[in-house]
Amino acid sequence: MLKHIIFLSTLLIAYLPLFAKSNDPLPRIGIAGIGIESSTFSPALSTEAAFTIKRGEQIYTSYPGFMQTGSNVRSRAVWLPAVTARSLPGGAVTREAYETMLGYMLDSLKKNLPYDGLFFDIHGAMSVVGLDDPEGDMITRIRKITGPKTIISTSMDLHGNVSMRLAQQSDLITCYRMAPHEDAQETKQRSVEQLLQRLESGSGKPKYKAWIPVPILLPGEQTSTRIEPAKSLYENVRTAAVKDGVIEAAVWMGYPWADEPRNHGVIMVTGDDKEAVTNAAEELANHFWRVRNEFHFVAPTGNLKECLDKAVSSEKHPFFISDSGDNPTAGGAGDVTWSLQQILARKEFKKPNGPVLMYASIPGPDMIKKALAAGVGGKVKGLVGAEVDSRYAPPLLIEGTVYAIREGDANAGVEAVIQTGSVFVIVTQKRKPYHKEADFTNLKLEPRKAAIVVVKIGYLEPELYNMRADWLLALTPGGVDQDLARLPYKSIQRPMFPVDKNIPEPDLKVRWVKSSDEVAVN
């Protein structure tokens, strides 16, 4: 009998840790973040109405790949989604809108305390009137709610900005590795997976966080990972991130169309091995600096006249032209009429039998009203554009025939195609980016059969890129002017490449970031 008791006791002792582990509560993880890319060089302002705000379980719809019921990730934690807000890129966010949305988030976070972890999902290039570092302010105020022990995993766009304050309050941090951002969901999943691993293993916060500022500020159209040197740079990011002793490595290009001290390139590497983290961070920083003169536009460029001349004479169709200076997906107002004015003034497009040119797009709520009243096939005449940004051209008078109308678009509200001569102008109730073939075919337009397609965009998004027969990037005026030398910077740190010439060799040694446990939350 005694032997049986001893045997059972031995088994109990041996398996007790397993029972204890299986009965441990799952980690409690919140989800929160506000994301927008906003230009301080645009006169536009972004209000709360520009944002799609999600609360509670509605937030799961933003992460279809890994937050679905029954997914491995979903079952590994008690998820406590608070508030997220996302907007198309635009002008600086009003202080009132920022404080209101942040208030929603903080109030929601307070209701579900405590948190073992927080998935902080942001863009990183939000500008707020009166704030130099909105994301740093946001995460600091979140820390006041969650306390210093919560592990915060921050996921960002590679065109975001990482201030020292954001680096300190983030325990884990990463960003996209592709531009265009085809890996957006993959990056968010990586951010969540790293958070879960640190919580499940009991490893906690990384022992080391390396931060290296790099005095480079380039537009995304020069840093596409489709081409060199960004392609190899980000391949090396992937290599660095899987080294022993490293948790994650990331390179931020920064956002060039906001005038703030934090806007510049940044390397961050986190991990538990100091030497491995140091080597990975400094190798990436030196790589970035070494290839700075090799960054070029992702497509041949020219002024608008040069681009149109080549497109008209080309036999390659469709010939795409990026109207880049007012790109709404980079922060432009989206309603600059300058380029459309130049197009409609050209004789090639005056008659209906001229080369077919599709223009996407220009906001014109009054024209939309007239199109709805006239109906498809009706004649209309009215003003479009320049309600927000009239610095380069005034509202444009268009006269033509209503070719198509579509109501209920999530971004545009109502869209109408107005044919004037051989130009098909997409007019919208509210601004909208045109990135997919369906954006055109839903309006009964066939972009593959057009001679020329002009889109307010920078680098072409994947569907348009794959559709093009040829392509030029037009250096046009607007709030996200690709010629950075024309922008009136006053607050970025100087010297800055390529805005300044003859920059001395920067100090690319690691700056060690304090753990969030050690940083006072003021």
Protein backbone atom coordinates (compact mmCIF):
# COMPACT_ATOMS: atom_id res chain seq x y z
CA MET A 1 0.00 0.00 0.00
CA LEU A 2 2.80 2.36 0.92
CA LYS A 3 4.48 1.59 -2.41
CA HIS A 4 1.29 2.53 -4.27
CA ILE A 5 1.02 5.80 -2.35
CA ILE A 6 4.66 6.62 -3.07
CA PHE A 7 4.15 5.75 -6.78
CA LEU A 8 1.03 7.90 -7.06
CA SER A 9 2.73 10.74 -5.23
CA THR A 10 5.66 10.56 -7.64
CA LEU A 11 3.31 10.69 -10.63
CA LEU A 12 1.44 13.62 -9.12
CA ILE A 13 4.65 15.54 -8.53
CA ALA A 14 5.85 14.74 -12.07
CA TYR A 15 2.64 15.86 -13.77
CA LEU A 16 1.63 18.70 -11.46
CA PRO A 17 3.37 21.34 -13.62
CA LEU A 18 1.37 20.21 -16.63
CA PHE A 19 -1.91 20.46 -14.75
CA ALA A 20 -0.91 23.86 -13.38
CA LYS A 21 0.04 25.08 -16.85
CA SER A 22 -3.18 23.87 -18.44
CA ASN A 23 -5.22 25.68 -15.80
CA ASP A 24 -3.34 28.96 -16.10
CA PRO A 25 -5.59 31.74 -17.40
CA LEU A 26 -5.00 32.84 -20.97
CA PRO A 27 -3.24 36.18 -21.44
CA ARG A 28 -5.50 39.21 -21.65
CA ILE A 29 -4.70 41.23 -24.78
CA GLY A 30 -6.24 44.49 -25.90
CA ILE A 31 -6.39 45.93 -29.42
CA ALA A 32 -6.29 49.66 -30.12
CA GLY A 33 -4.90 52.26 -32.52
CA ILE A 34 -5.57 55.28 -34.72
CA GLY A 35 -4.10 55.27 -38.22
CA ILE A 36 -3.79 57.88 -40.93
CA GLU A 37 -1.04 59.24 -43.17
CA SER A 38 -1.44 63.01 -43.15
CA SER A 39 0.39 65.80 -44.94
CA THR A 40 1.17 69.09 -43.24
CA PHE A 41 1.83 70.57 -46.69
CA SER A 42 -1.80 70.17 -47.70
CA PRO A 43 -4.41 72.75 -46.66
CA ALA A 44 -6.85 69.93 -45.97
CA LEU A 45 -7.82 69.00 -42.42
CA SER A 46 -9.07 65.59 -41.35
CA THR A 47 -12.01 65.47 -38.94
CA GLU A 48 -13.59 62.56 -37.12
CA ALA A 49 -15.92 62.07 -40.09
CA ALA A 50 -12.93 60.99 -42.21
CA PHE A 51 -12.32 57.94 -39.99
CA THR A 52 -13.91 54.53 -39.87
CA ILE A 53 -14.19 53.83 -36.16
CA LYS A 54 -14.59 50.25 -34.98
CA ARG A 55 -15.44 49.17 -31.45
CA GLY A 56 -15.27 45.85 -29.64
CA GLU A 57 -15.69 42.70 -31.70
CA GLN A 58 -16.29 44.76 -34.84
CA ILE A 59 -12.50 45.26 -34.84
CA TYR A 60 -11.97 41.60 -35.77
CA THR A 61 -13.18 42.41 -39.30
CA SER A 62 -9.92 44.31 -39.85
CA TYR A 63 -7.89 41.13 -39.42
CA PRO A 64 -9.56 38.44 -41.55
CA GLY A 65 -6.56 36.14 -41.71
CA PHE A 66 -5.84 35.54 -38.06
CA MET A 67 -8.57 36.81 -35.77
CA GLN A 68 -11.43 34.65 -37.02
CA THR A 69 -13.32 32.46 -34.58
CA GLY A 70 -11.55 29.12 -34.38
CA SER A 71 -8.17 30.43 -35.51
CA ASN A 72 -5.08 29.44 -33.56
CA VAL A 73 -4.40 33.05 -32.60
CA ARG A 74 -7.97 33.67 -31.46
CA SER A 75 -7.88 30.71 -29.07
CA ARG A 76 -4.56 31.59 -27.44
CA ALA A 77 -5.71 34.71 -25.56
CA VAL A 78 -8.63 36.51 -24.07
CA TRP A 79 -8.96 39.24 -26.68
CA LEU A 80 -10.28 42.60 -25.53
CA PRO A 81 -10.63 44.81 -28.61
CA ALA A 82 -11.16 48.42 -27.58
CA VAL A 83 -11.34 51.06 -30.36
CA THR A 84 -9.56 51.45 -33.68
CA ALA A 85 -9.90 54.30 -36.15
CA ARG A 86 -8.64 54.33 -39.74
CA SER A 87 -8.82 56.95 -42.47
CA LEU A 88 -7.71 57.38 -46.03
CA PRO A 89 -4.60 59.57 -46.08
CA GLY A 90 -5.36 63.28 -45.91
CA GLY A 91 -4.50 66.51 -44.21
CA ALA A 92 -3.52 66.97 -40.59
CA VAL A 93 -6.06 65.73 -38.06
CA THR A 94 -7.82 68.42 -36.07
CA ARG A 95 -6.94 68.42 -32.39
CA GLU A 96 -10.62 68.07 -31.53
CA ALA A 97 -10.98 64.93 -33.66
CA TYR A 98 -7.81 63.39 -32.23
CA GLU A 99 -8.82 64.02 -28.62
CA THR A 100 -12.33 62.71 -29.23
CA MET A 101 -11.19 59.46 -30.86
CA LEU A 102 -8.43 58.95 -28.29
CA GLY A 103 -11.03 59.51 -25.59
CA TYR A 104 -13.18 56.72 -27.02
CA MET A 105 -10.14 54.43 -26.96
CA LEU A 106 -8.98 55.24 -23.45
CA ASP A 107 -12.48 54.92 -22.01
CA SER A 108 -12.84 51.50 -23.62
CA LEU A 109 -9.43 50.33 -22.39
CA LYS A 110 -10.31 51.30 -18.82
CA LYS A 111 -13.33 48.97 -18.85
CA ASN A 112 -11.33 45.78 -19.36
CA LEU A 113 -8.29 46.19 -17.13
CA PRO A 114 -5.90 44.52 -16.52
CA TYR A 115 -3.96 43.72 -19.70
CA ASP A 116 -1.04 41.36 -20.13
CA GLY A 117 -0.51 42.64 -23.65
CA LEU A 118 -1.76 45.20 -26.16
CA PHE A 119 -1.69 45.01 -29.95
CA PHE A 120 -1.13 48.66 -30.95
CA ASP A 121 -2.08 48.93 -34.63
CA ILE A 122 -1.15 52.29 -36.16
CA HIS A 123 0.13 53.78 -39.41
CA GLY A 124 2.76 56.02 -37.83
CA ALA A 125 2.49 59.13 -40.01
CA MET A 126 -0.47 60.85 -38.37
CA SER A 127 -0.10 64.61 -38.05
CA VAL A 128 -2.27 66.41 -35.50
CA VAL A 129 -2.65 70.14 -35.29
CA GLY A 130 -0.51 71.31 -32.36
CA LEU A 131 1.34 67.99 -31.80
CA ASP A 132 4.78 67.01 -33.12
CA ASP A 133 4.50 63.32 -32.23
CA PRO A 134 0.88 62.12 -32.13
CA GLU A 135 1.67 58.39 -31.98
CA GLY A 136 4.14 59.02 -29.15
CA ASP A 137 1.49 61.00 -27.33
CA MET A 138 -1.12 58.29 -27.94
CA ILE A 139 0.96 55.39 -26.64
CA THR A 140 2.06 57.41 -23.59
CA ARG A 141 -1.54 58.10 -22.66
CA ILE A 142 -2.41 54.44 -23.22
CA ARG A 143 0.41 53.52 -20.80
CA LYS A 144 -1.23 55.65 -18.13
CA ILE A 145 -4.21 53.30 -18.38
CA THR A 146 -2.52 49.92 -18.80
CA GLY A 147 0.47 50.50 -16.53
CA PRO A 148 4.14 49.72 -17.25
CA LYS A 149 3.93 45.92 -17.07
CA THR A 150 1.68 45.46 -20.10
CA ILE A 151 3.66 44.30 -23.15
CA ILE A 152 2.76 46.54 -26.09
CA SER A 153 3.40 45.22 -29.60
CA THR A 154 3.29 47.99 -32.20
CA SER A 155 2.59 47.36 -35.89
CA MET A 156 3.24 50.12 -38.42
CA ASP A 157 3.58 51.18 -42.05
CA LEU A 158 7.19 51.49 -43.22
CA HIS A 159 6.37 55.09 -44.16
CA GLY A 160 5.62 55.85 -40.51
CA ASN A 161 7.87 57.65 -38.04
CA VAL A 162 9.42 56.18 -34.90
CA SER A 163 10.26 58.81 -32.29
CA MET A 164 12.30 57.89 -29.24
CA ARG A 165 9.13 58.20 -27.16
CA LEU A 166 7.27 55.69 -29.34
CA ALA A 167 10.29 53.39 -29.24
CA GLN A 168 10.46 53.55 -25.45
CA GLN A 169 6.80 52.82 -24.82
CA SER A 170 6.66 50.03 -27.44
CA ASP A 171 8.07 46.74 -26.19
CA LEU A 172 7.84 44.95 -29.53
CA ILE A 173 7.72 46.90 -32.77
CA THR A 174 7.65 46.12 -36.48
CA CYS A 175 6.61 47.51 -39.86
CA TYR A 176 5.81 46.42 -43.39
CA ARG A 177 8.62 45.04 -45.55
CA MET A 178 6.99 45.67 -48.90
CA ALA A 179 6.02 48.78 -50.85
CA PRO A 180 3.35 48.59 -52.21
CA HIS A 181 2.19 47.10 -48.93
CA GLU A 182 1.19 43.64 -50.02
CA ASP A 183 2.37 42.29 -46.66
CA ALA A 184 0.15 44.47 -44.47
CA GLN A 185 -1.81 41.60 -42.92
CA GLU A 186 1.32 39.47 -42.68
CA THR A 187 3.00 42.23 -40.68
CA LYS A 188 0.08 42.58 -38.28
CA GLN A 189 0.04 38.83 -37.80
CA ARG A 190 3.79 38.87 -37.08
CA SER A 191 3.27 41.59 -34.49
CA VAL A 192 0.56 39.59 -32.74
CA GLU A 193 2.49 36.31 -32.94
CA GLN A 194 5.57 37.86 -31.32
CA LEU A 195 3.40 39.26 -28.54
CA LEU A 196 1.80 35.87 -27.90
CA GLN A 197 5.15 34.09 -27.90
CA ARG A 198 6.64 36.45 -25.33
CA LEU A 199 3.60 36.06 -23.09
CA GLU A 200 3.24 32.31 -23.47
CA SER A 201 6.93 31.59 -22.92
CA GLY A 202 7.18 33.92 -19.95
CA SER A 203 10.07 35.70 -21.69
CA GLY A 204 8.37 39.05 -21.19
CA LYS A 205 9.77 42.22 -22.64
CA PRO A 206 12.89 42.12 -24.83
CA LYS A 207 16.14 42.72 -22.96
CA TYR A 208 17.42 45.07 -25.64
CA LYS A 209 15.88 47.61 -28.00
CA ALA A 210 18.22 49.28 -30.50
CA TRP A 211 17.19 52.52 -32.23
CA ILE A 212 19.26 54.25 -34.93
CA PRO A 213 18.05 57.44 -36.63
CA VAL A 214 19.18 57.76 -40.25
CA PRO A 215 19.12 61.27 -41.83
CA ILE A 216 17.28 60.16 -44.96
CA LEU A 217 13.77 61.21 -45.97
CA LEU A 218 12.48 59.92 -49.29
CA PRO A 219 9.07 59.61 -50.96
CA GLY A 220 7.64 56.15 -51.25
CA GLU A 221 7.88 56.38 -55.02
CA GLN A 222 11.67 56.20 -54.65
CA THR A 223 11.70 53.39 -52.11
CA SER A 224 9.56 50.70 -53.70
CA THR A 225 10.71 47.22 -52.76
CA ARG A 226 9.97 46.11 -56.33
CA ILE A 227 13.32 47.56 -57.33
CA GLU A 228 16.80 48.16 -55.95
CA PRO A 229 18.11 49.32 -53.58
CA ALA A 230 15.04 48.95 -51.33
CA LYS A 231 14.51 45.39 -52.54
CA SER A 232 17.84 44.17 -51.13
CA LEU A 233 17.60 46.37 -48.05
CA TYR A 234 14.34 44.75 -46.99
CA GLU A 235 15.58 41.28 -47.90
CA ASN A 236 18.34 41.93 -45.36
CA VAL A 237 15.69 42.98 -42.83
CA ARG A 238 14.16 39.52 -43.15
CA THR A 239 17.58 37.92 -42.69
CA ALA A 240 18.40 40.04 -39.63
CA ALA A 241 15.06 39.26 -37.99
CA VAL A 242 15.72 35.52 -37.81
CA LYS A 243 19.19 35.67 -36.30
CA ASP A 244 19.71 33.98 -32.94
CA GLY A 245 19.07 36.42 -30.13
CA VAL A 246 16.98 38.75 -32.31
CA ILE A 247 13.19 39.01 -32.01
CA GLU A 248 12.51 41.51 -34.78
CA ALA A 249 14.26 43.93 -37.15
CA ALA A 250 12.65 46.78 -39.05
CA VAL A 251 13.49 49.73 -41.29
CA TRP A 252 11.25 52.80 -41.48
CA MET A 253 11.64 55.17 -44.41
CA GLY A 254 9.75 57.91 -42.60
CA TYR A 255 7.06 60.16 -44.07
CA PRO A 256 8.37 63.09 -46.16
CA TRP A 257 5.20 65.17 -46.47
CA ALA A 258 4.99 66.26 -42.86
CA ASP A 259 7.29 68.83 -41.31
CA GLU A 260 8.11 67.37 -37.89
CA PRO A 261 11.37 66.57 -36.04
CA ARG A 262 10.59 62.83 -35.94
CA ASN A 263 10.33 62.52 -39.73
CA HIS A 264 13.41 60.60 -40.89
CA GLY A 265 14.58 57.05 -41.44
CA VAL A 266 14.87 54.73 -38.44
CA ILE A 267 16.29 51.27 -37.80
CA MET A 268 15.00 49.27 -34.85
CA VAL A 269 16.04 45.82 -33.70
CA THR A 270 14.78 44.07 -30.58
CA GLY A 271 16.10 40.94 -28.93
CA ASP A 272 17.69 39.23 -25.93
CA ASP A 273 21.31 39.05 -27.15
CA LYS A 274 23.03 42.43 -27.00
CA GLU A 275 25.74 41.62 -29.52
CA ALA A 276 23.31 40.14 -32.03
CA VAL A 277 20.95 43.10 -31.70
CA THR A 278 23.84 45.59 -32.07
CA ASN A 279 25.27 43.92 -35.15
CA ALA A 280 21.89 43.58 -36.88
CA ALA A 281 20.90 47.20 -36.24
CA GLU A 282 24.22 48.75 -37.26
CA GLU A 283 24.52 46.58 -40.38
CA LEU A 284 21.07 47.68 -41.54
CA ALA A 285 21.74 51.33 -40.74
CA ASN A 286 25.02 51.32 -42.64
CA HIS A 287 23.39 49.49 -45.56
CA PHE A 288 20.62 52.10 -45.71
CA TRP A 289 23.09 55.00 -45.64
CA ARG A 290 25.49 53.37 -48.12
CA VAL A 291 22.83 53.03 -50.84
CA ARG A 292 21.22 56.46 -50.32
CA ASN A 293 22.29 57.74 -53.74
CA GLU A 294 20.87 54.69 -55.49
CA PHE A 295 17.22 55.44 -54.68
CA HIS A 296 15.39 56.52 -57.81
CA PHE A 297 11.79 56.84 -58.85
CA VAL A 298 10.07 53.53 -59.46
CA ALA A 299 9.10 54.69 -62.98
CA PRO A 300 10.48 57.16 -65.53
CA THR A 301 9.38 60.67 -64.65
CA GLY A 302 8.62 63.91 -66.39
CA ASN A 303 6.46 66.97 -66.12
CA LEU A 304 2.85 66.49 -67.17
CA LYS A 305 3.37 67.82 -70.70
CA GLU A 306 6.26 65.44 -71.30
CA CYS A 307 4.22 62.52 -69.98
CA LEU A 308 1.17 63.35 -72.10
CA ASP A 309 3.28 63.89 -75.23
CA LYS A 310 4.83 60.46 -74.87
CA ALA A 311 1.51 58.78 -74.03
CA VAL A 312 -0.27 60.30 -77.03
CA SER A 313 2.46 59.18 -79.44
CA SER A 314 2.84 55.71 -77.91
CA GLU A 315 1.39 52.57 -79.44
CA LYS A 316 1.45 50.84 -76.03
CA HIS A 317 -2.01 50.80 -74.50
CA PRO A 318 -3.11 51.33 -71.82
CA PHE A 319 -0.48 53.94 -71.06
CA PHE A 320 -0.69 54.89 -67.38
CA ILE A 321 0.30 58.28 -66.00
CA SER A 322 0.54 58.87 -62.25
CA ASP A 323 -0.69 62.35 -61.29
CA SER A 324 1.52 62.16 -58.21
CA GLY A 325 1.47 65.58 -56.58
CA ASP A 326 -2.14 65.30 -55.37
CA ASN A 327 -2.13 61.58 -54.57
CA PRO A 328 -4.90 61.08 -51.97
CA THR A 329 -3.29 57.86 -50.71
CA ALA A 330 -0.17 59.79 -49.70
CA GLY A 331 -2.00 62.66 -48.00
CA GLY A 332 -2.94 64.93 -50.89
CA ALA A 333 -6.25 66.76 -50.84
CA GLY A 334 -7.28 64.82 -53.94
CA ASP A 335 -9.08 67.80 -55.48
CA VAL A 336 -6.29 69.74 -57.22
CA THR A 337 -7.53 70.55 -60.74
CA TRP A 338 -4.21 71.58 -62.29
CA SER A 339 -3.52 68.35 -64.17
CA LEU A 340 -7.07 67.87 -65.43
CA GLN A 341 -7.09 71.48 -66.64
CA GLN A 342 -3.95 70.81 -68.71
CA ILE A 343 -5.42 67.61 -70.15
CA LEU A 344 -8.72 69.16 -71.23
CA ALA A 345 -6.87 72.04 -72.89
CA ARG A 346 -5.02 69.73 -75.29
CA LYS A 347 -6.35 69.55 -78.84
CA GLU A 348 -5.94 65.74 -79.08
CA PHE A 349 -8.79 65.21 -76.64
CA LYS A 350 -11.23 67.86 -77.87
CA LYS A 351 -13.26 65.53 -80.11
CA PRO A 352 -15.08 62.32 -79.11
CA ASN A 353 -13.07 60.30 -81.64
CA GLY A 354 -9.74 61.33 -80.11
CA PRO A 355 -7.57 58.98 -78.04
CA VAL A 356 -9.58 57.71 -75.08
CA LEU A 357 -8.24 59.07 -71.80
CA MET A 358 -9.68 58.09 -68.43
CA TYR A 359 -9.07 60.39 -65.48
CA ALA A 360 -9.48 59.15 -61.91
CA SER A 361 -10.58 61.21 -60.19
CA ILE A 362 -11.79 64.65 -59.07
CA PRO A 363 -14.32 65.48 -56.32
CA GLY A 364 -17.26 67.57 -57.42
CA PRO A 365 -20.34 67.27 -55.21
CA ASP A 366 -22.26 69.93 -57.16
CA MET A 367 -21.55 68.18 -60.44
CA ILE A 368 -22.72 64.93 -58.87
CA LYS A 369 -26.08 66.55 -58.08
CA LYS A 370 -26.37 67.71 -61.69
CA ALA A 371 -25.43 64.28 -63.03
CA LEU A 372 -28.05 62.60 -60.85
CA ALA A 373 -30.67 65.06 -62.10
CA ALA A 374 -29.66 64.65 -65.76
CA GLY A 375 -29.26 60.87 -65.68
CA VAL A 376 -27.08 58.72 -67.91
CA GLY A 377 -26.95 60.23 -71.40
CA GLY A 378 -27.90 63.67 -70.12
CA LYS A 379 -25.88 66.82 -70.70
CA VAL A 380 -24.26 68.57 -67.72
CA LYS A 381 -22.14 71.62 -67.05
CA GLY A 382 -20.59 72.46 -63.72
CA LEU A 383 -17.55 73.07 -61.54
CA VAL A 384 -15.37 70.37 -60.03
CA GLY A 385 -12.42 70.34 -57.63
CA ALA A 386 -10.35 72.95 -55.80
CA GLU A 387 -12.72 73.26 -52.85
CA VAL A 388 -9.89 72.24 -50.51
CA ASP A 389 -6.67 72.91 -52.42
CA SER A 390 -6.98 75.78 -54.89
CA ARG A 391 -3.33 76.90 -54.69
CA TYR A 392 -2.41 75.65 -58.17
CA ALA A 393 -5.65 76.04 -60.13
CA PRO A 394 -9.23 77.17 -59.44
CA PRO A 395 -12.38 75.02 -59.67
CA LEU A 396 -12.64 73.65 -63.19
CA LEU A 397 -15.69 74.06 -65.41
CA ILE A 398 -16.56 70.82 -67.19
CA GLU A 399 -19.24 70.37 -69.85
CA GLY A 400 -20.13 66.97 -71.21
CA THR A 401 -22.36 63.92 -71.24
CA VAL A 402 -23.11 61.68 -68.27
CA TYR A 403 -21.64 58.31 -69.26
CA ALA A 404 -22.27 56.39 -66.02
CA ILE A 405 -23.49 56.86 -62.44
CA ARG A 406 -22.84 54.64 -59.45
CA GLU A 407 -24.21 55.21 -55.95
CA GLY A 408 -23.21 53.74 -52.60
CA ASP A 409 -19.44 53.55 -52.88
CA ALA A 410 -17.80 53.24 -49.45
CA ASN A 411 -15.37 56.10 -50.11
CA ALA A 412 -16.78 58.18 -52.94
CA GLY A 413 -20.46 58.04 -52.01
CA VAL A 414 -21.66 58.73 -55.56
CA GLU A 415 -19.50 58.48 -58.68
CA ALA A 416 -20.30 59.84 -62.13
CA VAL A 417 -18.35 59.56 -65.36
CA ILE A 418 -18.55 62.70 -67.48
CA GLN A 419 -17.41 62.41 -71.10
CA THR A 420 -16.01 65.60 -72.56
CA GLY A 421 -14.39 65.12 -75.95
CA SER A 422 -12.49 61.83 -75.69
CA VAL A 423 -11.79 62.27 -71.98
CA PHE A 424 -13.81 60.28 -69.44
CA VAL A 425 -13.58 62.15 -66.14
CA ILE A 426 -14.56 60.28 -62.98
CA VAL A 427 -16.22 62.79 -60.66
CA THR A 428 -16.89 61.82 -57.05
CA GLN A 429 -19.06 63.10 -54.25
CA LYS A 430 -16.14 62.55 -51.86
CA ARG A 431 -12.51 61.83 -52.72
CA LYS A 432 -11.58 58.28 -53.55
CA PRO A 433 -8.38 56.51 -54.66
CA TYR A 434 -8.63 54.30 -57.76
CA HIS A 435 -6.40 51.26 -57.27
CA LYS A 436 -8.26 48.32 -58.78
CA GLU A 437 -9.63 47.40 -62.18
CA ALA A 438 -13.09 47.03 -60.64
CA ASP A 439 -12.98 50.71 -59.64
CA PHE A 440 -13.24 51.40 -63.37
CA THR A 441 -15.34 48.48 -64.62
CA ASN A 442 -17.99 49.22 -61.97
CA LEU A 443 -18.45 52.47 -63.89
CA LYS A 444 -18.70 50.66 -67.24
CA LEU A 445 -15.18 51.80 -68.15
CA GLU A 446 -12.69 49.40 -69.73
CA PRO A 447 -9.23 50.67 -68.79
CA ARG A 448 -7.48 47.89 -70.73
CA LYS A 449 -8.96 49.31 -73.95
CA ALA A 450 -8.12 52.94 -73.17
CA ALA A 451 -5.22 54.73 -74.83
CA ILE A 452 -4.30 56.59 -71.63
CA VAL A 453 -5.30 56.22 -67.97
CA VAL A 454 -4.38 59.05 -65.59
CA VAL A 455 -4.71 58.27 -61.88
CA LYS A 456 -4.04 60.39 -58.81
CA ILE A 457 -1.47 58.02 -57.36
CA GLY A 458 2.26 57.57 -56.83
CA TYR A 459 3.60 54.11 -57.60
CA LEU A 460 0.96 51.98 -59.27
CA GLU A 461 -0.87 49.55 -57.03
CA PRO A 462 -0.50 45.87 -58.06
CA GLU A 463 -3.59 45.52 -60.30
CA LEU A 464 -2.84 48.72 -62.21
CA TYR A 465 0.85 47.89 -62.41
CA ASN A 466 0.08 44.50 -63.93
CA MET A 467 -2.39 46.08 -66.38
CA ARG A 468 -0.08 48.78 -67.72
CA ALA A 469 1.53 48.54 -71.16
CA ASP A 470 3.71 51.53 -70.29
CA TRP A 471 3.89 53.97 -67.42
CA LEU A 472 5.23 57.39 -66.47
CA LEU A 473 5.17 59.20 -63.15
CA ALA A 474 4.23 62.84 -63.66
CA LEU A 475 5.87 65.29 -61.24
CA THR A 476 2.84 67.48 -60.66
CA PRO A 477 2.12 70.07 -57.96
CA GLY A 478 0.17 69.31 -54.80
CA GLY A 479 0.35 68.62 -51.08
CA VAL A 480 2.52 65.53 -51.65
CA ASP A 481 4.87 67.00 -54.24
CA GLN A 482 7.50 64.42 -55.20
CA ASP A 483 10.11 67.16 -55.57
CA LEU A 484 10.91 67.51 -51.88
CA ALA A 485 13.20 70.49 -52.53
CA ARG A 486 10.07 72.50 -53.36
CA LEU A 487 8.56 71.87 -49.91
CA PRO A 488 9.03 74.58 -47.24
CA TYR A 489 10.50 72.44 -44.45
CA LYS A 490 11.08 74.28 -41.17
CA SER A 491 10.98 71.63 -38.44
CA ILE A 492 12.68 68.47 -39.73
CA GLN A 493 16.13 67.76 -38.35
CA ARG A 494 18.87 69.10 -40.62
CA PRO A 495 20.93 68.17 -42.49
CA MET A 496 18.65 65.66 -44.21
CA PHE A 497 19.29 63.70 -47.39
CA PRO A 498 18.33 64.50 -50.15
CA VAL A 499 16.96 67.90 -49.14
CA ASP A 500 20.46 68.99 -48.11
CA LYS A 501 23.69 68.43 -50.00
CA ASN A 502 27.14 67.43 -48.72
CA ILE A 503 25.89 65.81 -45.53
CA PRO A 504 28.67 64.66 -43.17
CA GLU A 505 28.82 60.99 -42.24
CA PRO A 506 26.16 60.42 -39.56
CA ASP A 507 26.65 58.53 -36.32
CA LEU A 508 25.05 55.16 -37.04
CA LYS A 509 25.87 53.53 -33.73
CA VAL A 510 23.09 51.99 -31.66
CA ARG A 511 21.12 54.17 -29.26
CA TRP A 512 19.82 51.88 -26.55
CA VAL A 513 16.17 52.44 -25.78
CA LYS A 514 15.01 52.23 -22.20
CA SER A 515 12.49 49.56 -21.32
CA SER A 516 8.96 50.84 -20.88
CA ASP A 517 9.30 49.76 -17.23
CA GLU A 518 11.95 52.44 -16.76
CA VAL A 519 10.25 55.34 -18.53
CA ALA A 520 8.16 57.76 -16.56
CA VAL A 521 4.70 58.32 -18.03
CA ASN A 522 4.05 62.05 -17.88
